[in-house]
Amino acid sequence: MGLTTSEISSLWGTYMSDNMAICIIEFFLNNVKDEDARQSLQIALFQEINNLYR
């Protein structure tokens, strides 16, 4: 039995949301000047990438 349309839609939405979060965090990392903020963004990026590819 395959996935329903609703299940596929939910998976796709989660995937797109996670990818967008990674792109936004990378943008901020490229423009941040505060080292404390940079460290927090790097942690957030690591966590998002781990969530996406687990």
PDB file of N, CA and C in Angstrom:
ATOM      1  N   MET A   1       0.844  -1.178   0.000  1.00  0.00           N
ATOM      2  CA  MET A   1       0.000   0.000   0.000  1.00  0.00           C
ATOM      3  C   MET A   1       0.892   1.245   0.000  1.00  0.00           C
ATOM      4  N   GLY A   2       0.632   2.163  -0.882  1.00  0.00           N
ATOM      5  CA  GLY A   2       1.439   3.367  -0.997  1.00  0.00           C
ATOM      6  C   GLY A   2       0.979   4.473  -0.065  1.00  0.00           C
ATOM      7  N   LEU A   3       1.664   5.581  -0.154  1.00  0.00           N
ATOM      8  CA  LEU A   3       1.320   6.748   0.650  1.00  0.00           C
ATOM      9  C   LEU A   3       0.089   7.438   0.072  1.00  0.00           C
ATOM     10  N   THR A   4      -0.692   8.033   0.956  1.00  0.00           N
ATOM     11  CA  THR A   4      -1.838   8.814   0.501  1.00  0.00           C
ATOM     12  C   THR A   4      -1.368  10.198   0.062  1.00  0.00           C
ATOM     13  N   THR A   5      -2.234  10.880  -0.635  1.00  0.00           N
ATOM     14  CA  THR A   5      -1.922  12.247  -1.074  1.00  0.00           C
ATOM     15  C   THR A   5      -1.626  13.145   0.118  1.00  0.00           C
ATOM     16  N   SER A   6      -2.362  12.981   1.181  1.00  0.00           N
ATOM     17  CA  SER A   6      -2.161  13.782   2.388  1.00  0.00           C
ATOM     18  C   SER A   6      -0.787  13.505   3.005  1.00  0.00           C
ATOM     19  N   GLU A   7      -0.381  12.259   3.045  1.00  0.00           N
ATOM     20  CA  GLU A   7       0.927  11.900   3.608  1.00  0.00           C
ATOM     21  C   GLU A   7       2.065  12.451   2.754  1.00  0.00           C
ATOM     22  N   ILE A   8       1.935  12.342   1.450  1.00  0.00           N
ATOM     23  CA  ILE A   8       2.952  12.873   0.537  1.00  0.00           C
ATOM     24  C   ILE A   8       3.049  14.389   0.698  1.00  0.00           C
ATOM     25  N   SER A   9       1.900  15.045   0.794  1.00  0.00           N
ATOM     26  CA  SER A   9       1.866  16.503   0.965  1.00  0.00           C
ATOM     27  C   SER A   9       2.548  16.922   2.258  1.00  0.00           C
ATOM     28  N   SER A  10       2.298  16.185   3.315  1.00  0.00           N
ATOM     29  CA  SER A  10       2.919  16.491   4.607  1.00  0.00           C
ATOM     30  C   SER A  10       4.433  16.317   4.548  1.00  0.00           C
ATOM     31  N   LEU A  11       4.890  15.226   3.948  1.00  0.00           N
ATOM     32  CA  LEU A  11       6.326  14.990   3.806  1.00  0.00           C
ATOM     33  C   LEU A  11       6.987  16.079   2.965  1.00  0.00           C
ATOM     34  N   TRP A  12       6.355  16.447   1.868  1.00  0.00           N
ATOM     35  CA  TRP A  12       6.899  17.470   0.976  1.00  0.00           C
ATOM     36  C   TRP A  12       6.968  18.824   1.686  1.00  0.00           C
ATOM     37  N   GLY A  13       5.923  19.171   2.419  1.00  0.00           N
ATOM     38  CA  GLY A  13       5.902  20.435   3.148  1.00  0.00           C
ATOM     39  C   GLY A  13       7.005  20.503   4.192  1.00  0.00           C
ATOM     40  N   THR A  14       7.217  19.411   4.905  1.00  0.00           N
ATOM     41  CA  THR A  14       8.277  19.360   5.914  1.00  0.00           C
ATOM     42  C   THR A  14       9.644  19.499   5.259  1.00  0.00           C
ATOM     43  N   TYR A  15       9.855  18.792   4.156  1.00  0.00           N
ATOM     44  CA  TYR A  15      11.124  18.861   3.427  1.00  0.00           C
ATOM     45  C   TYR A  15      11.411  20.289   2.946  1.00  0.00           C
ATOM     46  N   MET A  16      10.408  20.928   2.364  1.00  0.00           N
ATOM     47  CA  MET A  16      10.593  22.290   1.856  1.00  0.00           C
ATOM     48  C   MET A  16      10.845  23.279   2.995  1.00  0.00           C
ATOM     49  N   SER A  17      10.150  23.112   4.102  1.00  0.00           N
ATOM     50  CA  SER A  17      10.338  23.988   5.253  1.00  0.00           C
ATOM     51  C   SER A  17      11.751  23.861   5.815  1.00  0.00           C
ATOM     52  N   ASP A  18      12.235  22.631   5.937  1.00  0.00           N
ATOM     53  CA  ASP A  18      13.596  22.410   6.442  1.00  0.00           C
ATOM     54  C   ASP A  18      14.634  23.003   5.504  1.00  0.00           C
ATOM     55  N   ASN A  19      14.438  22.842   4.200  1.00  0.00           N
ATOM     56  CA  ASN A  19      15.379  23.409   3.228  1.00  0.00           C
ATOM     57  C   ASN A  19      15.391  24.933   3.289  1.00  0.00           C
ATOM     58  N   MET A  20      14.216  25.529   3.451  1.00  0.00           N
ATOM     59  CA  MET A  20      14.145  26.984   3.537  1.00  0.00           C
ATOM     60  C   MET A  20      14.866  27.477   4.790  1.00  0.00           C
ATOM     61  N   ALA A  21      14.692  26.775   5.899  1.00  0.00           N
ATOM     62  CA  ALA A  21      15.360  27.161   7.140  1.00  0.00           C
ATOM     63  C   ALA A  21      16.879  27.133   6.959  1.00  0.00           C
ATOM     64  N   ILE A  22      17.389  26.118   6.274  1.00  0.00           N
ATOM     65  CA  ILE A  22      18.834  26.027   6.026  1.00  0.00           C
ATOM     66  C   ILE A  22      19.305  27.208   5.190  1.00  0.00           C
ATOM     67  N   CYS A  23      18.563  27.550   4.150  1.00  0.00           N
ATOM     68  CA  CYS A  23      18.947  28.686   3.294  1.00  0.00           C
ATOM     69  C   CYS A  23      18.950  30.000   4.073  1.00  0.00           C
ATOM     70  N   ILE A  24      17.963  30.199   4.922  1.00  0.00           N
ATOM     71  CA  ILE A  24      17.881  31.434   5.700  1.00  0.00           C
ATOM     72  C   ILE A  24      19.024  31.517   6.702  1.00  0.00           C
ATOM     73  N   ILE A  25      19.308  30.423   7.390  1.00  0.00           N
ATOM     74  CA  ILE A  25      20.408  30.418   8.364  1.00  0.00           C
ATOM     75  C   ILE A  25      21.730  30.672   7.652  1.00  0.00           C
ATOM     76  N   GLU A  26      21.939  30.054   6.483  1.00  0.00           N
ATOM     77  CA  GLU A  26      23.180  30.297   5.730  1.00  0.00           C
ATOM     78  C   GLU A  26      23.295  31.762   5.318  1.00  0.00           C
ATOM     79  N   PHE A  27      22.190  32.380   4.938  1.00  0.00           N
ATOM     80  CA  PHE A  27      22.211  33.799   4.586  1.00  0.00           C
ATOM     81  C   PHE A  27      22.667  34.634   5.779  1.00  0.00           C
ATOM     82  N   PHE A  28      22.064  34.374   6.945  1.00  0.00           N
ATOM     83  CA  PHE A  28      22.439  35.123   8.143  1.00  0.00           C
ATOM     84  C   PHE A  28      23.902  34.869   8.510  1.00  0.00           C
ATOM     85  N   LEU A  29      24.370  33.637   8.357  1.00  0.00           N
ATOM     86  CA  LEU A  29      25.773  33.338   8.669  1.00  0.00           C
ATOM     87  C   LEU A  29      26.719  34.136   7.777  1.00  0.00           C
ATOM     88  N   ASN A  30      26.329  34.357   6.538  1.00  0.00           N
ATOM     89  CA  ASN A  30      27.168  35.121   5.614  1.00  0.00           C
ATOM     90  C   ASN A  30      27.186  36.611   5.927  1.00  0.00           C
ATOM     91  N   ASN A  31      26.224  37.085   6.735  1.00  0.00           N
ATOM     92  CA  ASN A  31      26.109  38.515   6.985  1.00  0.00           C
ATOM     93  C   ASN A  31      26.256  38.931   8.440  1.00  0.00           C
ATOM     94  N   VAL A  32      26.386  37.968   9.347  1.00  0.00           N
ATOM     95  CA  VAL A  32      26.428  38.290  10.774  1.00  0.00           C
ATOM     96  C   VAL A  32      27.810  38.812  11.167  1.00  0.00           C
ATOM     97  N   LYS A  33      27.827  39.780  12.056  1.00  0.00           N
ATOM     98  CA  LYS A  33      29.088  40.333  12.543  1.00  0.00           C
ATOM     99  C   LYS A  33      29.344  39.954  14.004  1.00  0.00           C
ATOM    100  N   ASP A  34      28.298  39.671  14.742  1.00  0.00           N
ATOM    101  CA  ASP A  34      28.390  39.305  16.158  1.00  0.00           C
ATOM    102  C   ASP A  34      28.806  37.834  16.279  1.00  0.00           C
ATOM    103  N   GLU A  35      29.919  37.594  16.948  1.00  0.00           N
ATOM    104  CA  GLU A  35      30.448  36.224  17.051  1.00  0.00           C
ATOM    105  C   GLU A  35      29.557  35.310  17.889  1.00  0.00           C
ATOM    106  N   ASP A  36      28.890  35.864  18.906  1.00  0.00           N
ATOM    107  CA  ASP A  36      27.963  35.050  19.695  1.00  0.00           C
ATOM    108  C   ASP A  36      26.785  34.597  18.829  1.00  0.00           C
ATOM    109  N   ALA A  37      26.283  35.514  18.026  1.00  0.00           N
ATOM    110  CA  ALA A  37      25.182  35.180  17.129  1.00  0.00           C
ATOM    111  C   ALA A  37      25.645  34.166  16.085  1.00  0.00           C
ATOM    112  N   ARG A  38      26.877  34.311  15.580  1.00  0.00           N
ATOM    113  CA  ARG A  38      27.420  33.388  14.596  1.00  0.00           C
ATOM    114  C   ARG A  38      27.456  31.966  15.165  1.00  0.00           C
ATOM    115  N   GLN A  39      27.895  31.850  16.412  1.00  0.00           N
ATOM    116  CA  GLN A  39      27.975  30.533  17.043  1.00  0.00           C
ATOM    117  C   GLN A  39      26.580  29.906  17.169  1.00  0.00           C
ATOM    118  N   SER A  40      25.602  30.695  17.551  1.00  0.00           N
ATOM    119  CA  SER A  40      24.231  30.194  17.667  1.00  0.00           C
ATOM    120  C   SER A  40      23.687  29.764  16.306  1.00  0.00           C
ATOM    121  N   LEU A  41      23.981  30.548  15.277  1.00  0.00           N
ATOM    122  CA  LEU A  41      23.531  30.202  13.929  1.00  0.00           C
ATOM    123  C   LEU A  41      24.206  28.929  13.424  1.00  0.00           C
ATOM    124  N   GLN A  42      25.478  28.751  13.744  1.00  0.00           N
ATOM    125  CA  GLN A  42      26.169  27.535  13.323  1.00  0.00           C
ATOM    126  C   GLN A  42      25.563  26.302  13.986  1.00  0.00           C
ATOM    127  N   ILE A  43      25.193  26.425  15.245  1.00  0.00           N
ATOM    128  CA  ILE A  43      24.535  25.318  15.946  1.00  0.00           C
ATOM    129  C   ILE A  43      23.177  25.033  15.299  1.00  0.00           C
ATOM    130  N   ALA A  44      22.436  26.082  15.015  1.00  0.00           N
ATOM    131  CA  ALA A  44      21.123  25.915  14.390  1.00  0.00           C
ATOM    132  C   ALA A  44      21.248  25.263  13.015  1.00  0.00           C
ATOM    133  N   LEU A  45      22.261  25.669  12.247  1.00  0.00           N
ATOM    134  CA  LEU A  45      22.476  25.081  10.926  1.00  0.00           C
ATOM    135  C   LEU A  45      22.818  23.604  11.049  1.00  0.00           C
ATOM    136  N   PHE A  46      23.686  23.259  11.966  1.00  0.00           N
ATOM    137  CA  PHE A  46      24.056  21.860  12.187  1.00  0.00           C
ATOM    138  C   PHE A  46      22.819  21.029  12.535  1.00  0.00           C
ATOM    139  N   GLN A  47      21.969  21.552  13.405  1.00  0.00           N
ATOM    140  CA  GLN A  47      20.768  20.829  13.808  1.00  0.00           C
ATOM    141  C   GLN A  47      19.791  20.669  12.650  1.00  0.00           C
ATOM    142  N   GLU A  48      19.621  21.709  11.854  1.00  0.00           N
ATOM    143  CA  GLU A  48      18.716  21.628  10.705  1.00  0.00           C
ATOM    144  C   GLU A  48      19.206  20.608   9.679  1.00  0.00           C
ATOM    145  N   ILE A  49      20.497  20.609   9.417  1.00  0.00           N
ATOM    146  CA  ILE A  49      21.040  19.649   8.453  1.00  0.00           C
ATOM    147  C   ILE A  49      20.872  18.227   8.974  1.00  0.00           C
ATOM    148  N   ASN A  50      21.110  18.027  10.263  1.00  0.00           N
ATOM    149  CA  ASN A  50      20.919  16.693  10.849  1.00  0.00           C
ATOM    150  C   ASN A  50      19.450  16.265  10.769  1.00  0.00           C
ATOM    151  N   ASN A  51      18.533  17.193  10.994  1.00  0.00           N
ATOM    152  CA  ASN A  51      17.100  16.862  10.896  1.00  0.00           C
ATOM    153  C   ASN A  51      16.717  16.485   9.485  1.00  0.00           C
ATOM    154  N   LEU A  52      17.290  17.177   8.525  1.00  0.00           N
ATOM    155  CA  LEU A  52      16.924  16.951   7.129  1.00  0.00           C
ATOM    156  C   LEU A  52      17.425  15.611   6.613  1.00  0.00           C
ATOM    157  N   TYR A  53      18.609  15.207   7.024  1.00  0.00           N
ATOM    158  CA  TYR A  53      19.229  14.018   6.450  1.00  0.00           C
ATOM    159  C   TYR A  53      19.258  12.815   7.378  1.00  0.00           C
ATOM    160  N   ARG A  54      18.433  12.807   8.410  1.00  0.00           N
ATOM    161  CA  ARG A  54      18.418  11.620   9.278  1.00  0.00           C
ATOM    162  C   ARG A  54      17.419  10.616   8.828  1.00  0.00           C
TER     163      ARG A  54
END
